[in-house]
Amino acid sequence: MKVRTYEEVSPKDLSGERNASRVEMKEMITGADGAPSFSLRVFRLGPEGYTPFHAHPWEHEVFVFEGTGSVVGEGTNYPLRKGCSVFVPQGEMHQFRAGGEGMAFVCCVPHKG
């Protein structure tokens, strides 16, 4: 078993990568920790920040725990707020966008990604 706090993990600034803006990620649990299948990551988007509009060959699940924003797809735009969960199927184009106060969410992805 492994336990660590959010404060112990160094953030990675993803701003500017593949057209992302005001995005920070902390990898809380990865394969390097002995997790055989999934990684658990925490993303913080600054006010009006956004991830790239992208797709990948694996699913992921998201839980918003702070702020407001939206998840954008091809022809869709779903509002998000604290307490919302999102399932993004493999291959589906998507982008997370924060509102004026920013947004933070937990994301779980398989290691195959």
PDB file of N, CA and C in Angstrom:
ATOM      1  N   MET A   1       0.844  -1.181   0.000  1.00  0.00           N
ATOM      2  CA  MET A   1       0.000   0.000   0.000  1.00  0.00           C
ATOM      3  C   MET A   1       0.883   1.235   0.000  1.00  0.00           C
ATOM      4  N   LYS A   2       0.411   2.277  -0.649  1.00  0.00           N
ATOM      5  CA  LYS A   2       1.155   3.527  -0.689  1.00  0.00           C
ATOM      6  C   LYS A   2       0.174   4.670  -0.446  1.00  0.00           C
ATOM      7  N   VAL A   3       0.575   5.589   0.415  1.00  0.00           N
ATOM      8  CA  VAL A   3      -0.247   6.762   0.712  1.00  0.00           C
ATOM      9  C   VAL A   3       0.629   8.001   0.559  1.00  0.00           C
ATOM     10  N   ARG A   4       0.104   8.998  -0.097  1.00  0.00           N
ATOM     11  CA  ARG A   4       0.823  10.273  -0.194  1.00  0.00           C
ATOM     12  C   ARG A   4      -0.211  11.390  -0.219  1.00  0.00           C
ATOM     13  N   THR A   5       0.225  12.574   0.149  1.00  0.00           N
ATOM     14  CA  THR A   5      -0.675  13.718   0.122  1.00  0.00           C
ATOM     15  C   THR A   5      -0.500  14.495  -1.176  1.00  0.00           C
ATOM     16  N   TYR A   6      -1.490  15.280  -1.484  1.00  0.00           N
ATOM     17  CA  TYR A   6      -1.467  16.126  -2.669  1.00  0.00           C
ATOM     18  C   TYR A   6      -0.257  17.060  -2.633  1.00  0.00           C
ATOM     19  N   GLU A   7       0.044  17.577  -1.455  1.00  0.00           N
ATOM     20  CA  GLU A   7       1.154  18.519  -1.300  1.00  0.00           C
ATOM     21  C   GLU A   7       2.520  17.890  -1.568  1.00  0.00           C
ATOM     22  N   GLU A   8       2.635  16.592  -1.423  1.00  0.00           N
ATOM     23  CA  GLU A   8       3.913  15.908  -1.637  1.00  0.00           C
ATOM     24  C   GLU A   8       4.289  15.756  -3.107  1.00  0.00           C
ATOM     25  N   VAL A   9       3.325  15.877  -3.988  1.00  0.00           N
ATOM     26  CA  VAL A   9       3.551  15.610  -5.408  1.00  0.00           C
ATOM     27  C   VAL A   9       3.843  16.914  -6.145  1.00  0.00           C
ATOM     28  N   SER A  10       4.921  16.918  -6.897  1.00  0.00           N
ATOM     29  CA  SER A  10       5.292  18.105  -7.685  1.00  0.00           C
ATOM     30  C   SER A  10       4.403  18.219  -8.917  1.00  0.00           C
ATOM     31  N   PRO A  11       3.946  19.424  -9.206  1.00  0.00           N
ATOM     32  CA  PRO A  11       3.093  19.608 -10.386  1.00  0.00           C
ATOM     33  C   PRO A  11       3.909  19.657 -11.675  1.00  0.00           C
ATOM     34  N   LYS A  12       3.261  19.272 -12.757  1.00  0.00           N
ATOM     35  CA  LYS A  12       3.817  19.431 -14.099  1.00  0.00           C
ATOM     36  C   LYS A  12       2.979  20.496 -14.798  1.00  0.00           C
ATOM     37  N   ASP A  13       3.636  21.521 -15.296  1.00  0.00           N
ATOM     38  CA  ASP A  13       2.934  22.568 -16.031  1.00  0.00           C
ATOM     39  C   ASP A  13       2.760  22.103 -17.473  1.00  0.00           C
ATOM     40  N   LEU A  14       1.527  21.889 -17.879  1.00  0.00           N
ATOM     41  CA  LEU A  14       1.238  21.413 -19.234  1.00  0.00           C
ATOM     42  C   LEU A  14       0.828  22.546 -20.168  1.00  0.00           C
ATOM     43  N   SER A  15       0.865  23.767 -19.684  1.00  0.00           N
ATOM     44  CA  SER A  15       0.493  24.918 -20.514  1.00  0.00           C
ATOM     45  C   SER A  15       1.406  24.975 -21.735  1.00  0.00           C
ATOM     46  N   GLY A  16       0.816  25.225 -22.867  1.00  0.00           N
ATOM     47  CA  GLY A  16       1.585  25.313 -24.101  1.00  0.00           C
ATOM     48  C   GLY A  16       1.768  23.985 -24.810  1.00  0.00           C
ATOM     49  N   GLU A  17       1.547  22.868 -24.101  1.00  0.00           N
ATOM     50  CA  GLU A  17       1.663  21.554 -24.750  1.00  0.00           C
ATOM     51  C   GLU A  17       0.411  21.285 -25.563  1.00  0.00           C
ATOM     52  N   ARG A  18       0.579  21.063 -26.829  1.00  0.00           N
ATOM     53  CA  ARG A  18      -0.541  20.757 -27.734  1.00  0.00           C
ATOM     54  C   ARG A  18      -1.680  21.761 -27.589  1.00  0.00           C
ATOM     55  N   ASN A  19      -1.338  23.029 -27.451  1.00  0.00           N
ATOM     56  CA  ASN A  19      -2.309  24.113 -27.384  1.00  0.00           C
ATOM     57  C   ASN A  19      -3.118  24.105 -26.076  1.00  0.00           C
ATOM     58  N   ALA A  20      -2.528  23.714 -24.981  1.00  0.00           N
ATOM     59  CA  ALA A  20      -3.180  23.803 -23.670  1.00  0.00           C
ATOM     60  C   ALA A  20      -2.832  25.145 -23.037  1.00  0.00           C
ATOM     61  N   SER A  21      -3.683  25.609 -22.145  1.00  0.00           N
ATOM     62  CA  SER A  21      -3.438  26.874 -21.471  1.00  0.00           C
ATOM     63  C   SER A  21      -3.835  26.775 -20.003  1.00  0.00           C
ATOM     64  N   ARG A  22      -2.937  27.227 -19.126  1.00  0.00           N
ATOM     65  CA  ARG A  22      -3.192  27.264 -17.680  1.00  0.00           C
ATOM     66  C   ARG A  22      -3.576  25.900 -17.122  1.00  0.00           C
ATOM     67  N   VAL A  23      -2.790  24.883 -17.459  1.00  0.00           N
ATOM     68  CA  VAL A  23      -3.057  23.513 -17.019  1.00  0.00           C
ATOM     69  C   VAL A  23      -1.888  22.990 -16.196  1.00  0.00           C
ATOM     70  N   GLU A  24      -2.211  22.445 -15.040  1.00  0.00           N
ATOM     71  CA  GLU A  24      -1.220  21.814 -14.167  1.00  0.00           C
ATOM     72  C   GLU A  24      -1.710  20.414 -13.830  1.00  0.00           C
ATOM     73  N   MET A  25      -0.788  19.443 -13.821  1.00  0.00           N
ATOM     74  CA  MET A  25      -1.153  18.067 -13.507  1.00  0.00           C
ATOM     75  C   MET A  25      -0.235  17.518 -12.420  1.00  0.00           C
ATOM     76  N   LYS A  26      -0.832  16.777 -11.490  1.00  0.00           N
ATOM     77  CA  LYS A  26      -0.064  16.031 -10.509  1.00  0.00           C
ATOM     78  C   LYS A  26      -0.402  14.555 -10.694  1.00  0.00           C
ATOM     79  N   GLU A  27       0.628  13.741 -10.914  1.00  0.00           N
ATOM     80  CA  GLU A  27       0.429  12.298 -11.041  1.00  0.00           C
ATOM     81  C   GLU A  27       0.484  11.698  -9.645  1.00  0.00           C
ATOM     82  N   MET A  28      -0.679  11.418  -9.093  1.00  0.00           N
ATOM     83  CA  MET A  28      -0.780  10.950  -7.714  1.00  0.00           C
ATOM     84  C   MET A  28      -0.387   9.483  -7.569  1.00  0.00           C
ATOM     85  N   ILE A  29      -0.811   8.652  -8.507  1.00  0.00           N
ATOM     86  CA  ILE A  29      -0.496   7.224  -8.506  1.00  0.00           C
ATOM     87  C   ILE A  29      -0.216   6.812  -9.946  1.00  0.00           C
ATOM     88  N   THR A  30       0.926   6.117 -10.162  1.00  0.00           N
ATOM     89  CA  THR A  30       1.297   5.656 -11.508  1.00  0.00           C
ATOM     90  C   THR A  30       1.848   4.245 -11.422  1.00  0.00           C
ATOM     91  N   GLY A  31       2.254   3.736 -12.549  1.00  0.00           N
ATOM     92  CA  GLY A  31       2.900   2.427 -12.584  1.00  0.00           C
ATOM     93  C   GLY A  31       4.172   2.402 -11.757  1.00  0.00           C
ATOM     94  N   ALA A  32       4.858   3.528 -11.655  1.00  0.00           N
ATOM     95  CA  ALA A  32       6.076   3.605 -10.855  1.00  0.00           C
ATOM     96  C   ALA A  32       5.802   3.366  -9.364  1.00  0.00           C
ATOM     97  N   ASP A  33       4.545   3.542  -8.972  1.00  0.00           N
ATOM     98  CA  ASP A  33       4.159   3.285  -7.584  1.00  0.00           C
ATOM     99  C   ASP A  33       3.718   1.847  -7.367  1.00  0.00           C
ATOM    100  N   GLY A  34       3.728   1.058  -8.438  1.00  0.00           N
ATOM    101  CA  GLY A  34       3.311  -0.333  -8.335  1.00  0.00           C
ATOM    102  C   GLY A  34       1.878  -0.571  -8.785  1.00  0.00           C
ATOM    103  N   ALA A  35       1.183   0.458  -9.227  1.00  0.00           N
ATOM    104  CA  ALA A  35      -0.184   0.286  -9.724  1.00  0.00           C
ATOM    105  C   ALA A  35      -0.115  -0.465 -11.056  1.00  0.00           C
ATOM    106  N   PRO A  36      -0.723  -1.641 -11.153  1.00  0.00           N
ATOM    107  CA  PRO A  36      -0.551  -2.455 -12.357  1.00  0.00           C
ATOM    108  C   PRO A  36      -1.366  -2.027 -13.568  1.00  0.00           C
ATOM    109  N   SER A  37      -2.442  -1.268 -13.377  1.00  0.00           N
ATOM    110  CA  SER A  37      -3.340  -1.012 -14.502  1.00  0.00           C
ATOM    111  C   SER A  37      -3.667   0.452 -14.763  1.00  0.00           C
ATOM    112  N   PHE A  38      -3.832   1.261 -13.710  1.00  0.00           N
ATOM    113  CA  PHE A  38      -4.348   2.612 -13.863  1.00  0.00           C
ATOM    114  C   PHE A  38      -3.455   3.659 -13.214  1.00  0.00           C
ATOM    115  N   SER A  39      -3.538   4.880 -13.749  1.00  0.00           N
ATOM    116  CA  SER A  39      -2.907   6.046 -13.144  1.00  0.00           C
ATOM    117  C   SER A  39      -3.994   6.999 -12.677  1.00  0.00           C
ATOM    118  N   LEU A  40      -3.732   7.634 -11.551  1.00  0.00           N
ATOM    119  CA  LEU A  40      -4.647   8.617 -10.981  1.00  0.00           C
ATOM    120  C   LEU A  40      -3.957   9.965 -11.017  1.00  0.00           C
ATOM    121  N   ARG A  41      -4.595  10.918 -11.684  1.00  0.00           N
ATOM    122  CA  ARG A  41      -3.986  12.230 -11.873  1.00  0.00           C
ATOM    123  C   ARG A  41      -4.950  13.319 -11.416  1.00  0.00           C
ATOM    124  N   VAL A  42      -4.401  14.418 -10.927  1.00  0.00           N
ATOM    125  CA  VAL A  42      -5.209  15.578 -10.552  1.00  0.00           C
ATOM    126  C   VAL A  42      -4.810  16.727 -11.472  1.00  0.00           C
ATOM    127  N   PHE A  43      -5.804  17.317 -12.121  1.00  0.00           N
ATOM    128  CA  PHE A  43      -5.593  18.458 -13.001  1.00  0.00           C
ATOM    129  C   PHE A  43      -6.173  19.711 -12.362  1.00  0.00           C
ATOM    130  N   ARG A  44      -5.443  20.803 -12.482  1.00  0.00           N
ATOM    131  CA  ARG A  44      -5.943  22.119 -12.085  1.00  0.00           C
ATOM    132  C   ARG A  44      -5.846  23.019 -13.306  1.00  0.00           C
ATOM    133  N   LEU A  45      -6.972  23.587 -13.678  1.00  0.00           N
ATOM    134  CA  LEU A  45      -7.030  24.539 -14.771  1.00  0.00           C
ATOM    135  C   LEU A  45      -7.245  25.911 -14.159  1.00  0.00           C
ATOM    136  N   GLY A  46      -6.376  26.848 -14.500  1.00  0.00           N
ATOM    137  CA  GLY A  46      -6.535  28.208 -14.015  1.00  0.00           C
ATOM    138  C   GLY A  46      -7.755  28.848 -14.645  1.00  0.00           C
ATOM    139  N   PRO A  47      -8.123  30.050 -14.202  1.00  0.00           N
ATOM    140  CA  PRO A  47      -9.269  30.745 -14.790  1.00  0.00           C
ATOM    141  C   PRO A  47      -9.164  30.792 -16.311  1.00  0.00           C
ATOM    142  N   GLU A  48     -10.227  30.325 -16.970  1.00  0.00           N
ATOM    143  CA  GLU A  48     -10.320  30.266 -18.437  1.00  0.00           C
ATOM    144  C   GLU A  48      -9.279  29.329 -19.061  1.00  0.00           C
ATOM    145  N   GLY A  49      -8.646  28.468 -18.271  1.00  0.00           N
ATOM    146  CA  GLY A  49      -7.677  27.508 -18.789  1.00  0.00           C
ATOM    147  C   GLY A  49      -8.359  26.375 -19.537  1.00  0.00           C
ATOM    148  N   TYR A  50      -7.582  25.638 -20.334  1.00  0.00           N
ATOM    149  CA  TYR A  50      -8.164  24.535 -21.101  1.00  0.00           C
ATOM    150  C   TYR A  50      -7.098  23.511 -21.479  1.00  0.00           C
ATOM    151  N   THR A  51      -7.552  22.280 -21.642  1.00  0.00           N
ATOM    152  CA  THR A  51      -6.705  21.198 -22.128  1.00  0.00           C
ATOM    153  C   THR A  51      -6.760  21.214 -23.662  1.00  0.00           C
ATOM    154  N   PRO A  52      -5.894  20.463 -24.332  1.00  0.00           N
ATOM    155  CA  PRO A  52      -5.984  20.381 -25.800  1.00  0.00           C
ATOM    156  C   PRO A  52      -7.301  19.718 -26.222  1.00  0.00           C
ATOM    157  N   PHE A  53      -7.765  20.031 -27.418  1.00  0.00           N
ATOM    158  CA  PHE A  53      -8.895  19.303 -28.010  1.00  0.00           C
ATOM    159  C   PHE A  53      -8.270  18.073 -28.645  1.00  0.00           C
ATOM    160  N   HIS A  54      -8.532  16.901 -28.084  1.00  0.00           N
ATOM    161  CA  HIS A  54      -7.801  15.707 -28.484  1.00  0.00           C
ATOM    162  C   HIS A  54      -8.626  14.446 -28.276  1.00  0.00           C
ATOM    163  N   ALA A  55      -8.113  13.348 -28.784  1.00  0.00           N
ATOM    164  CA  ALA A  55      -8.690  12.013 -28.570  1.00  0.00           C
ATOM    165  C   ALA A  55      -7.531  11.062 -28.341  1.00  0.00           C
ATOM    166  N   HIS A  56      -7.822   9.929 -27.734  1.00  0.00           N
ATOM    167  CA  HIS A  56      -6.816   8.893 -27.540  1.00  0.00           C
ATOM    168  C   HIS A  56      -7.487   7.532 -27.527  1.00  0.00           C
ATOM    169  N   PRO A  57      -6.729   6.466 -27.722  1.00  0.00           N
ATOM    170  CA  PRO A  57      -7.321   5.135 -27.864  1.00  0.00           C
ATOM    171  C   PRO A  57      -7.659   4.452 -26.539  1.00  0.00           C
ATOM    172  N   TRP A  58      -7.860   5.222 -25.477  1.00  0.00           N
ATOM    173  CA  TRP A  58      -8.277   4.650 -24.198  1.00  0.00           C
ATOM    174  C   TRP A  58      -9.355   5.536 -23.587  1.00  0.00           C
ATOM    175  N   GLU A  59     -10.171   4.942 -22.757  1.00  0.00           N
ATOM    176  CA  GLU A  59     -11.186   5.687 -22.018  1.00  0.00           C
ATOM    177  C   GLU A  59     -10.557   6.402 -20.837  1.00  0.00           C
ATOM    178  N   HIS A  60     -11.273   7.360 -20.288  1.00  0.00           N
ATOM    179  CA  HIS A  60     -10.921   7.854 -18.966  1.00  0.00           C
ATOM    180  C   HIS A  60     -12.141   8.397 -18.245  1.00  0.00           C
ATOM    181  N   GLU A  61     -12.015   8.424 -16.939  1.00  0.00           N
ATOM    182  CA  GLU A  61     -13.075   8.888 -16.069  1.00  0.00           C
ATOM    183  C   GLU A  61     -12.576  10.108 -15.303  1.00  0.00           C
ATOM    184  N   VAL A  62     -13.473  11.058 -15.101  1.00  0.00           N
ATOM    185  CA  VAL A  62     -13.116  12.331 -14.476  1.00  0.00           C
ATOM    186  C   VAL A  62     -14.129  12.646 -13.390  1.00  0.00           C
ATOM    187  N   PHE A  63     -13.644  13.234 -12.292  1.00  0.00           N
ATOM    188  CA  PHE A  63     -14.524  13.734 -11.240  1.00  0.00           C
ATOM    189  C   PHE A  63     -14.096  15.154 -10.891  1.00  0.00           C
ATOM    190  N   VAL A  64     -15.006  16.102 -11.051  1.00  0.00           N
ATOM    191  CA  VAL A  64     -14.725  17.514 -10.764  1.00  0.00           C
ATOM    192  C   VAL A  64     -14.939  17.746  -9.265  1.00  0.00           C
ATOM    193  N   PHE A  65     -13.916  18.276  -8.593  1.00  0.00           N
ATOM    194  CA  PHE A  65     -14.054  18.525  -7.160  1.00  0.00           C
ATOM    195  C   PHE A  65     -13.937  19.994  -6.780  1.00  0.00           C
ATOM    196  N   GLU A  66     -13.712  20.847  -7.772  1.00  0.00           N
ATOM    197  CA  GLU A  66     -13.580  22.274  -7.481  1.00  0.00           C
ATOM    198  C   GLU A  66     -13.856  23.092  -8.728  1.00  0.00           C
ATOM    199  N   GLY A  67     -14.567  24.210  -8.574  1.00  0.00           N
ATOM    200  CA  GLY A  67     -14.759  25.153  -9.663  1.00  0.00           C
ATOM    201  C   GLY A  67     -15.854  24.782 -10.641  1.00  0.00           C
ATOM    202  N   THR A  68     -15.819  25.477 -11.769  1.00  0.00           N
ATOM    203  CA  THR A  68     -16.801  25.263 -12.831  1.00  0.00           C
ATOM    204  C   THR A  68     -16.088  25.307 -14.179  1.00  0.00           C
ATOM    205  N   GLY A  69     -16.771  24.793 -15.191  1.00  0.00           N
ATOM    206  CA  GLY A  69     -16.230  24.802 -16.538  1.00  0.00           C
ATOM    207  C   GLY A  69     -17.117  23.992 -17.452  1.00  0.00           C
ATOM    208  N   SER A  70     -16.500  23.332 -18.418  1.00  0.00           N
ATOM    209  CA  SER A  70     -17.254  22.515 -19.360  1.00  0.00           C
ATOM    210  C   SER A  70     -16.338  21.462 -19.970  1.00  0.00           C
ATOM    211  N   VAL A  71     -16.978  20.432 -20.519  1.00  0.00           N
ATOM    212  CA  VAL A  71     -16.263  19.466 -21.348  1.00  0.00           C
ATOM    213  C   VAL A  71     -16.868  19.593 -22.738  1.00  0.00           C
ATOM    214  N   VAL A  72     -15.998  19.818 -23.713  1.00  0.00           N
ATOM    215  CA  VAL A  72     -16.400  20.079 -25.087  1.00  0.00           C
ATOM    216  C   VAL A  72     -16.066  18.864 -25.934  1.00  0.00           C
ATOM    217  N   GLY A  73     -16.987  18.471 -26.784  1.00  0.00           N
ATOM    218  CA  GLY A  73     -16.758  17.393 -27.736  1.00  0.00           C
ATOM    219  C   GLY A  73     -17.051  17.911 -29.133  1.00  0.00           C
ATOM    220  N   GLU A  74     -17.151  17.012 -30.071  1.00  0.00           N
ATOM    221  CA  GLU A  74     -17.510  17.408 -31.436  1.00  0.00           C
ATOM    222  C   GLU A  74     -19.016  17.664 -31.451  1.00  0.00           C
ATOM    223  N   GLY A  75     -19.385  18.934 -31.423  1.00  0.00           N
ATOM    224  CA  GLY A  75     -20.799  19.297 -31.445  1.00  0.00           C
ATOM    225  C   GLY A  75     -21.481  19.245 -30.095  1.00  0.00           C
ATOM    226  N   THR A  76     -20.727  19.041 -29.025  1.00  0.00           N
ATOM    227  CA  THR A  76     -21.317  19.009 -27.685  1.00  0.00           C
ATOM    228  C   THR A  76     -20.547  19.941 -26.756  1.00  0.00           C
ATOM    229  N   ASN A  77     -21.242  20.396 -25.733  1.00  0.00           N
ATOM    230  CA  ASN A  77     -20.625  21.241 -24.720  1.00  0.00           C
ATOM    231  C   ASN A  77     -21.443  21.051 -23.446  1.00  0.00           C
ATOM    232  N   TYR A  78     -20.886  20.302 -22.498  1.00  0.00           N
ATOM    233  CA  TYR A  78     -21.598  20.022 -21.261  1.00  0.00           C
ATOM    234  C   TYR A  78     -21.026  20.866 -20.127  1.00  0.00           C
ATOM    235  N   PRO A  79     -21.878  21.615 -19.418  1.00  0.00           N
ATOM    236  CA  PRO A  79     -21.383  22.382 -18.279  1.00  0.00           C
ATOM    237  C   PRO A  79     -20.951  21.447 -17.152  1.00  0.00           C
ATOM    238  N   LEU A  80     -19.895  21.848 -16.444  1.00  0.00           N
ATOM    239  CA  LEU A  80     -19.391  21.066 -15.315  1.00  0.00           C
ATOM    240  C   LEU A  80     -19.302  21.959 -14.084  1.00  0.00           C
ATOM    241  N   ARG A  81     -19.486  21.337 -12.929  1.00  0.00           N
ATOM    242  CA  ARG A  81     -19.328  22.016 -11.650  1.00  0.00           C
ATOM    243  C   ARG A  81     -18.884  20.984 -10.624  1.00  0.00           C
ATOM    244  N   LYS A  82     -18.526  21.439  -9.462  1.00  0.00           N
ATOM    245  CA  LYS A  82     -18.126  20.553  -8.375  1.00  0.00           C
ATOM    246  C   LYS A  82     -19.165  19.446  -8.204  1.00  0.00           C
ATOM    247  N   GLY A  83     -18.684  18.198  -8.170  1.00  0.00           N
ATOM    248  CA  GLY A  83     -19.564  17.052  -8.000  1.00  0.00           C
ATOM    249  C   GLY A  83     -19.935  16.331  -9.282  1.00  0.00           C
ATOM    250  N   CYS A  84     -19.584  16.880 -10.445  1.00  0.00           N
ATOM    251  CA  CYS A  84     -19.890  16.232 -11.727  1.00  0.00           C
ATOM    252  C   CYS A  84     -18.863  15.150 -12.042  1.00  0.00           C
ATOM    253  N   SER A  85     -19.320  14.107 -12.709  1.00  0.00           N
ATOM    254  CA  SER A  85     -18.415  13.080 -13.227  1.00  0.00           C
ATOM    255  C   SER A  85     -18.570  13.012 -14.739  1.00  0.00           C
ATOM    256  N   VAL A  86     -17.509  12.576 -15.407  1.00  0.00           N
ATOM    257  CA  VAL A  86     -17.489  12.510 -16.871  1.00  0.00           C
ATOM    258  C   VAL A  86     -16.851  11.187 -17.286  1.00  0.00           C
ATOM    259  N   PHE A  87     -17.476  10.504 -18.225  1.00  0.00           N
ATOM    260  CA  PHE A  87     -16.878   9.339 -18.866  1.00  0.00           C
ATOM    261  C   PHE A  87     -16.566   9.730 -20.302  1.00  0.00           C
ATOM    262  N   VAL A  88     -15.302   9.618 -20.702  1.00  0.00           N
ATOM    263  CA  VAL A  88     -14.894   9.912 -22.073  1.00  0.00           C
ATOM    264  C   VAL A  88     -14.500   8.584 -22.724  1.00  0.00           C
ATOM    265  N   PRO A  89     -15.289   8.094 -23.685  1.00  0.00           N
ATOM    266  CA  PRO A  89     -14.958   6.835 -24.348  1.00  0.00           C
ATOM    267  C   PRO A  89     -13.696   6.954 -25.199  1.00  0.00           C
ATOM    268  N   GLN A  90     -13.073   5.828 -25.461  1.00  0.00           N
ATOM    269  CA  GLN A  90     -11.882   5.826 -26.304  1.00  0.00           C
ATOM    270  C   GLN A  90     -12.214   6.400 -27.671  1.00  0.00           C
ATOM    271  N   GLY A  91     -11.285   7.168 -28.220  1.00  0.00           N
ATOM    272  CA  GLY A  91     -11.435   7.720 -29.551  1.00  0.00           C
ATOM    273  C   GLY A  91     -12.304   8.963 -29.659  1.00  0.00           C
ATOM    274  N   GLU A  92     -12.923   9.403 -28.568  1.00  0.00           N
ATOM    275  CA  GLU A  92     -13.810  10.562 -28.637  1.00  0.00           C
ATOM    276  C   GLU A  92     -13.029  11.864 -28.425  1.00  0.00           C
ATOM    277  N   MET A  93     -13.197  12.810 -29.347  1.00  0.00           N
ATOM    278  CA  MET A  93     -12.562  14.119 -29.207  1.00  0.00           C
ATOM    279  C   MET A  93     -13.155  14.831 -27.997  1.00  0.00           C
ATOM    280  N   HIS A  94     -12.284  15.490 -27.216  1.00  0.00           N
ATOM    281  CA  HIS A  94     -12.760  16.179 -26.019  1.00  0.00           C
ATOM    282  C   HIS A  94     -11.767  17.242 -25.570  1.00  0.00           C
ATOM    283  N   GLN A  95     -12.277  18.164 -24.790  1.00  0.00           N
ATOM    284  CA  GLN A  95     -11.464  19.235 -24.218  1.00  0.00           C
ATOM    285  C   GLN A  95     -12.153  19.696 -22.939  1.00  0.00           C
ATOM    286  N   PHE A  96     -11.359  19.905 -21.891  1.00  0.00           N
ATOM    287  CA  PHE A  96     -11.880  20.465 -20.649  1.00  0.00           C
ATOM    288  C   PHE A  96     -11.541  21.942 -20.620  1.00  0.00           C
ATOM    289  N   ARG A  97     -12.556  22.757 -20.281  1.00  0.00           N
ATOM    290  CA  ARG A  97     -12.381  24.210 -20.239  1.00  0.00           C
ATOM    291  C   ARG A  97     -12.860  24.714 -18.887  1.00  0.00           C
ATOM    292  N   ALA A  98     -12.061  25.530 -18.241  1.00  0.00           N
ATOM    293  CA  ALA A  98     -12.417  26.092 -16.941  1.00  0.00           C
ATOM    294  C   ALA A  98     -13.182  27.397 -17.108  1.00  0.00           C
ATOM    295  N   GLY A  99     -14.014  27.683 -16.130  1.00  0.00           N
ATOM    296  CA  GLY A  99     -14.697  28.970 -16.081  1.00  0.00           C
ATOM    297  C   GLY A  99     -13.788  30.022 -15.461  1.00  0.00           C
ATOM    298  N   GLY A 100     -14.371  31.145 -15.091  1.00  0.00           N
ATOM    299  CA  GLY A 100     -13.618  32.271 -14.579  1.00  0.00           C
ATOM    300  C   GLY A 100     -12.928  32.044 -13.253  1.00  0.00           C
ATOM    301  N   GLU A 101     -13.360  31.032 -12.495  1.00  0.00           N
ATOM    302  CA  GLU A 101     -12.721  30.747 -11.207  1.00  0.00           C
ATOM    303  C   GLU A 101     -11.744  29.569 -11.281  1.00  0.00           C
ATOM    304  N   GLY A 102     -11.626  28.967 -12.449  1.00  0.00           N
ATOM    305  CA  GLY A 102     -10.785  27.787 -12.592  1.00  0.00           C
ATOM    306  C   GLY A 102     -11.568  26.524 -12.291  1.00  0.00           C
ATOM    307  N   MET A 103     -10.916  25.383 -12.431  1.00  0.00           N
ATOM    308  CA  MET A 103     -11.563  24.094 -12.196  1.00  0.00           C
ATOM    309  C   MET A 103     -10.496  23.069 -11.858  1.00  0.00           C
ATOM    310  N   ALA A 104     -10.845  22.124 -10.994  1.00  0.00           N
ATOM    311  CA  ALA A 104      -9.918  21.034 -10.642  1.00  0.00           C
ATOM    312  C   ALA A 104     -10.681  19.721 -10.723  1.00  0.00           C
ATOM    313  N   PHE A 105      -9.990  18.684 -11.262  1.00  0.00           N
ATOM    314  CA  PHE A 105     -10.632  17.379 -11.379  1.00  0.00           C
ATOM    315  C   PHE A 105      -9.618  16.247 -11.245  1.00  0.00           C
ATOM    316  N   VAL A 106     -10.147  15.113 -10.854  1.00  0.00           N
ATOM    317  CA  VAL A 106      -9.380  13.870 -10.776  1.00  0.00           C
ATOM    318  C   VAL A 106      -9.646  13.107 -12.057  1.00  0.00           C
ATOM    319  N   CYS A 107      -8.614  12.506 -12.627  1.00  0.00           N
ATOM    320  CA  CYS A 107      -8.729  11.762 -13.867  1.00  0.00           C
ATOM    321  C   CYS A 107      -8.053  10.407 -13.695  1.00  0.00           C
ATOM    322  N   CYS A 108      -8.752   9.351 -14.092  1.00  0.00           N
ATOM    323  CA  CYS A 108      -8.202   8.004 -14.018  1.00  0.00           C
ATOM    324  C   CYS A 108      -8.065   7.468 -15.437  1.00  0.00           C
ATOM    325  N   VAL A 109      -6.854   7.005 -15.796  1.00  0.00           N
ATOM    326  CA  VAL A 109      -6.598   6.468 -17.130  1.00  0.00           C
ATOM    327  C   VAL A 109      -5.822   5.163 -17.022  1.00  0.00           C
ATOM    328  N   PRO A 110      -5.993   4.272 -17.991  1.00  0.00           N
ATOM    329  CA  PRO A 110      -5.195   3.055 -17.991  1.00  0.00           C
ATOM    330  C   PRO A 110      -3.750   3.356 -18.384  1.00  0.00           C
ATOM    331  N   HIS A 111      -2.827   2.528 -17.932  1.00  0.00           N
ATOM    332  CA  HIS A 111      -1.415   2.725 -18.271  1.00  0.00           C
ATOM    333  C   HIS A 111      -1.148   2.588 -19.758  1.00  0.00           C
ATOM    334  N   LYS A 112      -1.983   1.874 -20.490  1.00  0.00           N
ATOM    335  CA  LYS A 112      -1.715   1.692 -21.926  1.00  0.00           C
ATOM    336  C   LYS A 112      -1.632   3.025 -22.634  1.00  0.00           C
ATOM    337  N   GLY A 113      -2.149   4.104 -21.992  1.00  0.00           N
ATOM    338  CA  GLY A 113      -2.039   5.443 -22.554  1.00  0.00           C
ATOM    339  C   GLY A 113      -0.732   6.061 -22.181  1.00  0.00           C
TER     340      GLY A 113
END
